């Protein structure tokens, strides 16, 4: 089964200088060229490996991906506390409003 979780990911921002695909900072002026964003992500219910919308089986563990459920968990569950994730999420949303 697929589980839909919230995840914090780095997304590129528009910048005046050319930047490499994996760069976090501009090689010309040194400013950050990514920002945090909250996105929903589908993961395998067996191993928590990211999966696609149209996948029928997990490419990592082979588990069946029939059906999708939305959990109140976040992608980092177990790695960081729910309170810390909520704090990060609130900060990202406030920054996006500015």
Protein backbone atom coordinates (compact mmCIF):
# COMPACT_ATOMS: atom_id res chain seq x y z
CA UNK A 1 0.00 0.00 0.00
CA UNK A 2 1.10 3.58 -0.64
CA UNK A 3 1.21 6.05 2.24
CA UNK A 4 1.05 9.81 1.61
CA UNK A 5 3.32 11.68 4.05
CA UNK A 6 4.50 15.27 4.36
CA UNK A 7 8.17 15.85 3.60
CA UNK A 8 10.50 18.85 3.78
CA UNK A 9 12.55 19.07 0.59
CA UNK A 10 15.03 21.53 -0.90
CA UNK A 11 13.73 23.21 -4.07
CA UNK A 12 15.72 25.46 -6.42
CA UNK A 13 15.00 29.19 -6.49
CA UNK A 14 15.43 31.59 -9.41
CA UNK A 15 18.89 33.09 -9.52
CA UNK A 16 20.76 35.44 -11.85
CA UNK A 17 23.83 33.21 -12.28
CA UNK A 18 23.96 29.70 -13.74
CA UNK A 19 23.82 27.02 -11.07
CA UNK A 20 24.59 23.32 -11.16
CA UNK A 21 21.87 20.74 -10.60
CA UNK A 22 23.23 19.67 -7.20
CA UNK A 23 24.47 23.10 -6.02
CA UNK A 24 23.11 24.49 -2.74
CA UNK A 25 25.04 27.77 -3.18
CA UNK A 26 25.87 29.93 -6.20
CA UNK A 27 29.44 29.38 -7.38
CA UNK A 28 29.68 33.05 -8.46
CA UNK A 29 28.25 35.02 -5.52
CA UNK A 30 27.90 32.41 -2.77
CA UNK A 31 24.21 32.94 -1.95
CA UNK A 32 21.89 29.98 -1.25
CA UNK A 33 20.06 28.78 -4.38
CA UNK A 34 17.60 26.40 -2.69
CA UNK A 35 14.89 26.81 -0.08
CA UNK A 36 12.87 24.42 2.05
CA UNK A 37 9.42 23.44 0.82
CA UNK A 38 6.75 21.15 2.24
CA UNK A 39 5.54 18.49 -0.18
CA UNK A 40 3.42 15.40 0.11
CA UNK A 41 5.30 12.26 -0.88
CA UNK A 42 4.11 8.72 -1.53
CA UNK A 43 6.07 5.97 0.22
CA UNK A 44 5.78 2.19 0.45
CA UNK A 45 3.94 1.09 3.61
CA UNK A 46 6.42 -1.78 4.06
CA UNK A 47 9.82 -0.03 3.80
CA UNK A 48 9.02 3.73 3.53
CA UNK A 49 10.95 3.99 0.25
CA UNK A 50 9.58 6.75 -2.08
CA UNK A 51 7.27 5.42 -4.81
CA UNK A 52 5.43 6.92 -7.80
CA UNK A 53 1.71 7.50 -8.34
CA UNK A 54 1.46 4.77 -10.97
CA UNK A 55 3.74 2.18 -9.34
CA UNK A 56 2.07 -1.16 -8.57
CA UNK A 57 5.00 -2.60 -6.61
CA UNK A 58 7.83 -1.04 -4.60
CA UNK A 59 11.10 -1.04 -6.54
CA UNK A 60 13.06 -1.38 -3.29
CA UNK A 61 11.29 -4.18 -1.34
CA UNK A 62 8.80 -5.56 -3.90
CA UNK A 63 5.78 -4.84 -1.67
CA UNK A 64 2.36 -4.44 -3.28
CA UNK A 65 1.27 -0.79 -3.61
CA UNK A 66 -2.49 -1.27 -4.09
CA UNK A 67 -4.41 1.54 -2.42
CA UNK A 68 -3.28 4.82 -0.89
CA UNK A 69 -3.87 6.20 2.59
CA UNK A 70 -2.95 9.59 4.01
CA UNK A 71 -1.25 9.43 7.39
CA UNK A 72 -0.87 12.20 9.91
CA UNK A 73 2.81 11.25 10.13
CA UNK A 74 5.67 13.03 8.45
CA UNK A 75 8.50 11.59 6.37
CA UNK A 76 11.02 11.98 9.18
CA UNK A 77 8.90 10.16 11.79
CA UNK A 78 11.28 8.52 14.25
CA UNK A 79 14.23 10.66 13.14
CA UNK A 80 12.88 13.95 14.54
CA UNK A 81 10.03 14.64 16.95
CA UNK A 82 6.59 15.64 15.75
CA UNK A 83 7.01 18.95 17.58
CA UNK A 84 10.28 19.71 15.77
CA UNK A 85 8.71 18.88 12.40
CA UNK A 86 5.74 21.15 13.20
CA UNK A 87 8.14 23.97 14.15
CA UNK A 88 10.05 23.57 10.86
CA UNK A 89 6.81 23.43 8.87
CA UNK A 90 5.50 26.61 10.54
CA UNK A 91 8.75 28.46 9.81
CA UNK A 92 8.65 27.40 6.14
CA UNK A 93 5.04 28.54 5.77
CA UNK A 94 5.80 31.92 7.41
CA UNK A 95 8.77 32.42 5.07
CA UNK A 96 6.61 31.60 2.02
CA UNK A 97 4.06 34.27 2.99
CA UNK A 98 6.66 37.09 3.05
